[in-house]
């Protein structure tokens, strides 16, 4: 029995690994199993969630406040996070630098363990490898 006379399904299984350029015959209709019949439904996005609603809210502080305060100074939160951006490892290192000498021993130990884990994590996987 020749491979060209095999049924479409059997031929596809037997000859699926052979590149098209090496085949001297057609395997029939290509499998349409990989095509999606419809598009996925559109996501419903809340255009007035808290993050979008508060965007640019402090832009007028300099104009109305005679440029005395920077918007960064109006942010509430821990000192090591105000007006700063970074990943978890950078955040933990920054916290250790700024308040590590005032932390309880157990908290400092847990922070050091977290830094050690994150350091290994970021060096072993991810886009910065």
N, C-alpha and C. Protein backbone atom coordinates (compact mmCIF):
# COMPACT_ATOMS: atom_id res chain seq x y z
N UNK A 1 0.85 -1.17 0.00
CA UNK A 1 0.00 0.00 0.00
C UNK A 1 0.90 1.24 0.00
N UNK A 2 0.62 2.21 -0.85
CA UNK A 2 1.43 3.42 -0.93
C UNK A 2 0.91 4.46 0.06
N UNK A 3 1.81 5.34 0.51
CA UNK A 3 1.42 6.35 1.49
C UNK A 3 0.43 7.34 0.90
N UNK A 4 0.47 7.53 -0.43
CA UNK A 4 -0.45 8.46 -1.07
C UNK A 4 -1.88 7.98 -1.06
N UNK A 5 -2.09 6.69 -0.89
CA UNK A 5 -3.44 6.16 -0.91
C UNK A 5 -4.04 6.03 0.49
N UNK A 6 -3.33 6.47 1.51
CA UNK A 6 -3.86 6.40 2.87
C UNK A 6 -5.00 7.39 3.05
N UNK A 7 -5.86 7.09 4.00
CA UNK A 7 -6.96 8.00 4.30
C UNK A 7 -6.39 9.31 4.84
N UNK A 8 -7.20 10.38 4.77
CA UNK A 8 -6.72 11.71 5.17
C UNK A 8 -6.20 11.76 6.59
N UNK A 9 -6.92 11.15 7.53
CA UNK A 9 -6.50 11.18 8.93
C UNK A 9 -5.23 10.38 9.15
N UNK A 10 -5.17 9.18 8.57
CA UNK A 10 -3.98 8.35 8.76
C UNK A 10 -2.77 8.98 8.09
N UNK A 11 -2.98 9.56 6.91
CA UNK A 11 -1.88 10.21 6.22
C UNK A 11 -1.34 11.39 7.01
N UNK A 12 -2.24 12.09 7.64
CA UNK A 12 -1.84 13.25 8.41
C UNK A 12 -0.98 12.82 9.61
N UNK A 13 -1.36 11.70 10.23
CA UNK A 13 -0.59 11.23 11.37
C UNK A 13 0.75 10.67 10.95
N UNK A 14 0.78 9.96 9.85
CA UNK A 14 2.03 9.35 9.42
C UNK A 14 2.97 10.36 8.78
N UNK A 15 2.42 11.31 8.04
CA UNK A 15 3.25 12.24 7.27
C UNK A 15 3.24 13.64 7.83
N UNK A 16 2.67 13.84 9.01
CA UNK A 16 2.61 15.19 9.58
C UNK A 16 3.97 15.78 9.89
N UNK A 17 4.93 14.93 10.17
CA UNK A 17 6.26 15.42 10.53
C UNK A 17 7.12 15.74 9.32
N UNK A 18 6.73 15.33 8.15
CA UNK A 18 7.52 15.56 6.94
C UNK A 18 7.23 16.98 6.42
N UNK A 19 8.25 17.79 6.16
CA UNK A 19 8.01 19.14 5.65
C UNK A 19 7.32 19.11 4.29
N UNK A 20 6.57 20.14 3.97
CA UNK A 20 5.81 20.19 2.72
C UNK A 20 6.72 20.12 1.50
N UNK A 21 7.90 20.71 1.61
CA UNK A 21 8.81 20.73 0.47
C UNK A 21 9.28 19.32 0.09
N UNK A 22 9.29 18.38 1.04
CA UNK A 22 9.76 17.02 0.78
C UNK A 22 8.65 16.10 0.27
N UNK A 23 7.39 16.52 0.34
CA UNK A 23 6.29 15.67 -0.09
C UNK A 23 6.09 15.77 -1.60
N UNK A 24 5.79 14.66 -2.20
CA UNK A 24 5.51 14.67 -3.64
C UNK A 24 4.02 14.56 -3.91
N UNK A 25 3.20 14.61 -2.85
CA UNK A 25 1.76 14.47 -3.01
C UNK A 25 1.06 15.28 -1.93
N UNK A 26 -0.20 15.47 -2.10
CA UNK A 26 -0.99 16.25 -1.14
C UNK A 26 -1.58 15.31 -0.10
N UNK A 27 -1.75 15.80 1.10
CA UNK A 27 -2.37 15.01 2.16
C UNK A 27 -3.85 15.33 2.29
N UNK A 28 -4.40 16.04 1.35
CA UNK A 28 -5.82 16.37 1.40
C UNK A 28 -6.06 17.72 2.05
N UNK A 29 -7.24 17.90 2.58
CA UNK A 29 -7.62 19.17 3.20
C UNK A 29 -6.82 19.34 4.49
N UNK A 30 -6.19 20.50 4.71
CA UNK A 30 -5.44 20.72 5.95
C UNK A 30 -6.39 20.71 7.14
N UNK A 31 -5.89 20.30 8.28
CA UNK A 31 -6.73 20.25 9.47
C UNK A 31 -7.17 21.64 9.89
N UNK A 32 -8.45 21.83 10.04
CA UNK A 32 -9.00 23.12 10.44
C UNK A 32 -9.27 23.17 11.94
N UNK A 33 -8.64 22.30 12.69
CA UNK A 33 -8.89 22.24 14.12
C UNK A 33 -8.29 23.43 14.85
N UNK A 34 -7.30 24.08 14.27
CA UNK A 34 -6.59 25.15 14.96
C UNK A 34 -7.25 26.51 14.76
N UNK A 35 -8.23 26.60 13.88
CA UNK A 35 -8.87 27.88 13.62
C UNK A 35 -10.04 28.09 14.57
N UNK A 36 -10.20 29.33 15.06
CA UNK A 36 -11.32 29.64 15.93
C UNK A 36 -12.51 30.05 15.08
N UNK A 37 -13.68 29.50 15.31
CA UNK A 37 -14.84 29.84 14.48
C UNK A 37 -15.33 31.28 14.71
N UNK A 38 -15.18 31.80 15.91
CA UNK A 38 -15.63 33.16 16.20
C UNK A 38 -14.58 33.89 17.01
N UNK A 39 -14.69 35.18 17.05
CA UNK A 39 -13.81 35.99 17.89
C UNK A 39 -14.29 35.93 19.33
N UNK A 40 -13.39 36.07 20.28
CA UNK A 40 -13.83 36.08 21.68
C UNK A 40 -14.64 37.34 21.97
N UNK A 41 -15.52 37.30 22.94
CA UNK A 41 -16.32 38.50 23.25
C UNK A 41 -15.44 39.62 23.77
N UNK A 42 -15.84 40.86 23.50
CA UNK A 42 -15.06 42.00 23.93
C UNK A 42 -15.10 42.14 25.44
N UNK A 43 -13.99 42.60 26.01
CA UNK A 43 -13.94 42.82 27.45
C UNK A 43 -14.74 44.07 27.80
N UNK A 44 -15.42 44.01 28.91
CA UNK A 44 -16.13 45.20 29.40
C UNK A 44 -15.17 45.92 30.34
N UNK A 45 -14.80 47.14 29.97
CA UNK A 45 -13.83 47.90 30.74
C UNK A 45 -14.54 49.05 31.44
N UNK A 46 -14.30 49.18 32.74
CA UNK A 46 -14.87 50.28 33.51
C UNK A 46 -13.99 51.50 33.30
N UNK A 47 -14.46 52.46 32.54
CA UNK A 47 -13.66 53.65 32.23
C UNK A 47 -13.54 54.61 33.40
N UNK A 48 -14.31 54.43 34.44
CA UNK A 48 -14.26 55.33 35.60
C UNK A 48 -13.86 54.58 36.85
N UNK A 49 -12.96 53.59 36.71
CA UNK A 49 -12.47 52.95 37.94
C UNK A 49 -11.56 53.94 38.67
N UNK A 50 -11.14 53.58 39.88
CA UNK A 50 -10.44 54.54 40.73
C UNK A 50 -9.14 55.04 40.10
N UNK A 51 -8.40 54.15 39.47
CA UNK A 51 -7.12 54.55 38.89
C UNK A 51 -7.30 55.55 37.75
N UNK A 52 -8.28 55.28 36.85
CA UNK A 52 -8.50 56.20 35.74
C UNK A 52 -9.14 57.51 36.20
N UNK A 53 -10.01 57.44 37.19
CA UNK A 53 -10.69 58.64 37.66
C UNK A 53 -9.72 59.60 38.34
N UNK A 54 -8.70 59.05 39.00
CA UNK A 54 -7.75 59.89 39.73
C UNK A 54 -6.54 60.29 38.90
N UNK A 55 -6.51 59.93 37.62
CA UNK A 55 -5.37 60.26 36.77
C UNK A 55 -5.30 61.77 36.56
N UNK A 56 -4.15 62.35 36.84
CA UNK A 56 -3.94 63.78 36.62
C UNK A 56 -4.59 64.68 37.64
N UNK A 57 -4.99 64.12 38.78
CA UNK A 57 -5.73 64.92 39.75
C UNK A 57 -4.85 65.98 40.42
N UNK A 58 -3.54 65.74 40.50
CA UNK A 58 -2.64 66.70 41.14
C UNK A 58 -1.89 67.56 40.13
N UNK A 59 -2.32 67.58 38.88
CA UNK A 59 -1.61 68.36 37.87
C UNK A 59 -1.70 69.86 38.13
N UNK A 60 -2.76 70.29 38.77
CA UNK A 60 -2.95 71.73 38.95
C UNK A 60 -2.39 72.22 40.28
N UNK A 61 -1.73 71.38 41.08
CA UNK A 61 -1.21 71.80 42.38
C UNK A 61 -0.16 72.88 42.20
N UNK A 62 0.71 72.70 41.22
CA UNK A 62 1.76 73.70 41.01
C UNK A 62 1.20 75.03 40.56
N UNK A 63 0.19 74.99 39.71
CA UNK A 63 -0.39 76.23 39.19
C UNK A 63 -1.15 76.97 40.29
N UNK A 64 -1.99 76.24 41.02
CA UNK A 64 -2.81 76.88 42.05
C UNK A 64 -2.05 77.11 43.35
N UNK A 65 -1.03 76.32 43.62
CA UNK A 65 -0.31 76.44 44.88
C UNK A 65 0.99 77.19 44.76
N UNK A 66 1.17 77.96 43.70
CA UNK A 66 2.35 78.80 43.52
C UNK A 66 3.64 77.97 43.48
N UNK A 67 3.56 76.72 43.04
CA UNK A 67 4.71 75.83 42.85
C UNK A 67 5.52 75.63 44.13
N UNK A 68 4.85 75.67 45.29
CA UNK A 68 5.56 75.47 46.56
C UNK A 68 5.69 74.00 46.92
N UNK A 69 4.70 73.19 46.55
CA UNK A 69 4.75 71.76 46.87
C UNK A 69 4.79 70.94 45.59
N UNK A 70 5.58 69.89 45.62
CA UNK A 70 5.61 68.95 44.51
C UNK A 70 4.51 67.92 44.75
N UNK A 71 3.83 67.47 43.70
CA UNK A 71 2.78 66.46 43.90
C UNK A 71 3.27 65.21 44.63
N UNK A 72 4.56 64.90 44.51
CA UNK A 72 5.13 63.75 45.21
C UNK A 72 4.98 63.91 46.72
N UNK A 73 5.02 65.15 47.21
CA UNK A 73 4.93 65.40 48.65
C UNK A 73 3.51 65.23 49.18
N UNK A 74 2.53 65.17 48.30
CA UNK A 74 1.15 65.00 48.73
C UNK A 74 0.75 63.53 48.85
N UNK A 75 1.61 62.62 48.42
CA UNK A 75 1.31 61.20 48.46
C UNK A 75 1.41 60.70 49.89
N UNK A 76 0.41 59.94 50.32
CA UNK A 76 0.44 59.35 51.65
C UNK A 76 0.91 57.91 51.53
N UNK A 77 1.62 57.42 52.54
CA UNK A 77 2.09 56.05 52.53
C UNK A 77 3.45 55.95 53.21
N UNK A 78 4.05 54.77 53.21
CA UNK A 78 5.37 54.61 53.83
C UNK A 78 6.41 55.50 53.15
N UNK A 79 7.38 55.96 53.91
CA UNK A 79 8.37 56.90 53.37
C UNK A 79 9.19 56.30 52.23
N UNK A 80 9.46 55.00 52.32
CA UNK A 80 10.31 54.39 51.29
C UNK A 80 9.57 54.15 49.98
N UNK A 81 8.25 54.43 49.96
CA UNK A 81 7.48 54.21 48.74
C UNK A 81 6.97 55.50 48.10
N UNK A 82 7.08 56.62 48.78
CA UNK A 82 6.49 57.86 48.26
C UNK A 82 7.20 58.33 46.99
N UNK A 83 6.43 58.45 45.92
CA UNK A 83 6.97 58.96 44.66
C UNK A 83 8.05 58.10 44.07
N UNK A 84 8.00 56.80 44.30
CA UNK A 84 9.04 55.89 43.82
C UNK A 84 8.39 54.72 43.12
N UNK A 85 9.09 54.15 42.14
CA UNK A 85 8.54 53.07 41.33
C UNK A 85 9.60 51.99 41.16
N UNK A 86 9.20 50.72 41.29
CA UNK A 86 10.14 49.63 41.09
C UNK A 86 9.49 48.29 41.37
N UNK A 87 10.22 47.21 41.14
CA UNK A 87 9.67 45.88 41.39
C UNK A 87 9.82 45.51 42.87
N UNK A 88 9.37 44.30 43.23
CA UNK A 88 9.34 43.92 44.65
C UNK A 88 10.73 43.82 45.25
N UNK A 89 11.69 43.31 44.50
CA UNK A 89 13.05 43.21 45.01
C UNK A 89 13.62 44.60 45.30
N UNK A 90 13.46 45.52 44.36
CA UNK A 90 13.96 46.89 44.57
C UNK A 90 13.26 47.55 45.74
N UNK A 91 11.96 47.27 45.90
CA UNK A 91 11.20 47.85 47.00
C UNK A 91 11.69 47.32 48.34
N UNK A 92 11.97 46.02 48.42
CA UNK A 92 12.46 45.45 49.67
C UNK A 92 13.85 45.97 50.03
N UNK A 93 14.72 46.09 49.03
CA UNK A 93 16.06 46.62 49.27
C UNK A 93 15.99 48.06 49.75
N UNK A 94 15.11 48.83 49.13
CA UNK A 94 14.94 50.24 49.53
C UNK A 94 14.40 50.34 50.96
N UNK A 95 13.47 49.46 51.32
CA UNK A 95 12.93 49.46 52.68
C UNK A 95 14.02 49.10 53.68
N UNK A 96 14.85 48.11 53.34
CA UNK A 96 15.92 47.70 54.25
C UNK A 96 16.92 48.84 54.45
N UNK A 97 17.23 49.57 53.39
CA UNK A 97 18.17 50.69 53.50
C UNK A 97 17.61 51.81 54.38
N UNK A 98 16.31 52.09 54.21
CA UNK A 98 15.74 53.26 54.88
C UNK A 98 15.30 52.99 56.32
N UNK A 99 14.73 51.83 56.59
CA UNK A 99 14.22 51.58 57.95
C UNK A 99 14.73 50.28 58.55
N UNK A 100 15.72 49.64 57.93
CA UNK A 100 16.22 48.36 58.41
C UNK A 100 16.81 48.43 59.81
N UNK A 101 17.43 49.55 60.16
CA UNK A 101 18.05 49.67 61.48
C UNK A 101 17.01 49.86 62.59
N UNK A 102 15.77 50.19 62.23
CA UNK A 102 14.72 50.40 63.24
C UNK A 102 13.73 49.25 63.29
N UNK A 103 13.91 48.22 62.47
CA UNK A 103 12.94 47.12 62.40
C UNK A 103 13.18 46.11 63.53
N UNK A 104 12.10 45.39 63.90
CA UNK A 104 12.24 44.29 64.84
C UNK A 104 13.08 43.20 64.20
N UNK A 105 13.71 42.38 65.04
CA UNK A 105 14.63 41.35 64.54
C UNK A 105 13.90 40.35 63.63
N UNK A 106 12.71 39.91 64.06
CA UNK A 106 11.97 38.94 63.24
C UNK A 106 11.58 39.53 61.89
N UNK A 107 11.11 40.79 61.90
CA UNK A 107 10.71 41.43 60.64
C UNK A 107 11.91 41.61 59.71
N UNK A 108 13.04 42.01 60.27
CA UNK A 108 14.25 42.18 59.46
C UNK A 108 14.71 40.84 58.88
N UNK A 109 14.62 39.79 59.70
CA UNK A 109 15.00 38.45 59.23
C UNK A 109 14.11 38.01 58.07
N UNK A 110 12.78 38.23 58.22
CA UNK A 110 11.85 37.88 57.14
C UNK A 110 12.11 38.71 55.89
N UNK A 111 12.45 39.98 56.07
CA UNK A 111 12.76 40.84 54.92
C UNK A 111 14.01 40.35 54.21
N UNK A 112 15.04 39.96 54.98
CA UNK A 112 16.26 39.44 54.37
C UNK A 112 16.00 38.14 53.62
N UNK A 113 15.14 37.28 54.18
CA UNK A 113 14.78 36.04 53.48
C UNK A 113 14.07 36.35 52.18
N UNK A 114 13.16 37.33 52.21
CA UNK A 114 12.43 37.70 51.00
C UNK A 114 13.37 38.27 49.94
N UNK A 115 14.31 39.10 50.36
CA UNK A 115 15.30 39.66 49.42
C UNK A 115 16.13 38.55 48.81
N UNK A 116 16.54 37.60 49.63
CA UNK A 116 17.35 36.48 49.13
C UNK A 116 16.57 35.67 48.10
N UNK A 117 15.30 35.38 48.42
CA UNK A 117 14.48 34.60 47.48
C UNK A 117 14.28 35.37 46.18
N UNK A 118 13.92 36.65 46.29
CA UNK A 118 13.65 37.44 45.08
C UNK A 118 14.91 37.61 44.23
N UNK A 119 16.05 37.76 44.89
CA UNK A 119 17.30 37.90 44.15
C UNK A 119 17.54 36.66 43.30
N UNK A 120 17.34 35.47 43.90
CA UNK A 120 17.50 34.22 43.15
C UNK A 120 16.45 34.13 42.04
N UNK A 121 15.22 34.51 42.38
CA UNK A 121 14.11 34.42 41.42
C UNK A 121 14.38 35.29 40.18
N UNK A 122 14.78 36.53 40.40
CA UNK A 122 15.00 37.44 39.28
C UNK A 122 16.23 37.06 38.46
N UNK A 123 17.21 36.41 39.08
CA UNK A 123 18.42 36.04 38.34
C UNK A 123 18.26 34.72 37.59
N UNK A 124 17.30 33.89 38.00
CA UNK A 124 17.16 32.58 37.36
C UNK A 124 16.09 32.55 36.30
N UNK A 125 15.14 33.45 36.34
CA UNK A 125 14.08 33.44 35.32
C UNK A 125 13.63 34.89 35.04
N UNK A 126 12.97 35.03 33.92
CA UNK A 126 12.48 36.36 33.57
C UNK A 126 13.21 36.95 32.39
N UNK A 127 12.82 38.16 32.04
CA UNK A 127 13.37 38.77 30.83
C UNK A 127 14.77 39.35 31.02
N UNK A 128 15.26 39.41 32.27
CA UNK A 128 16.57 40.02 32.51
C UNK A 128 17.68 38.97 32.59
N UNK A 129 17.38 37.68 32.26
CA UNK A 129 18.39 36.65 32.32
C UNK A 129 19.43 36.84 31.26
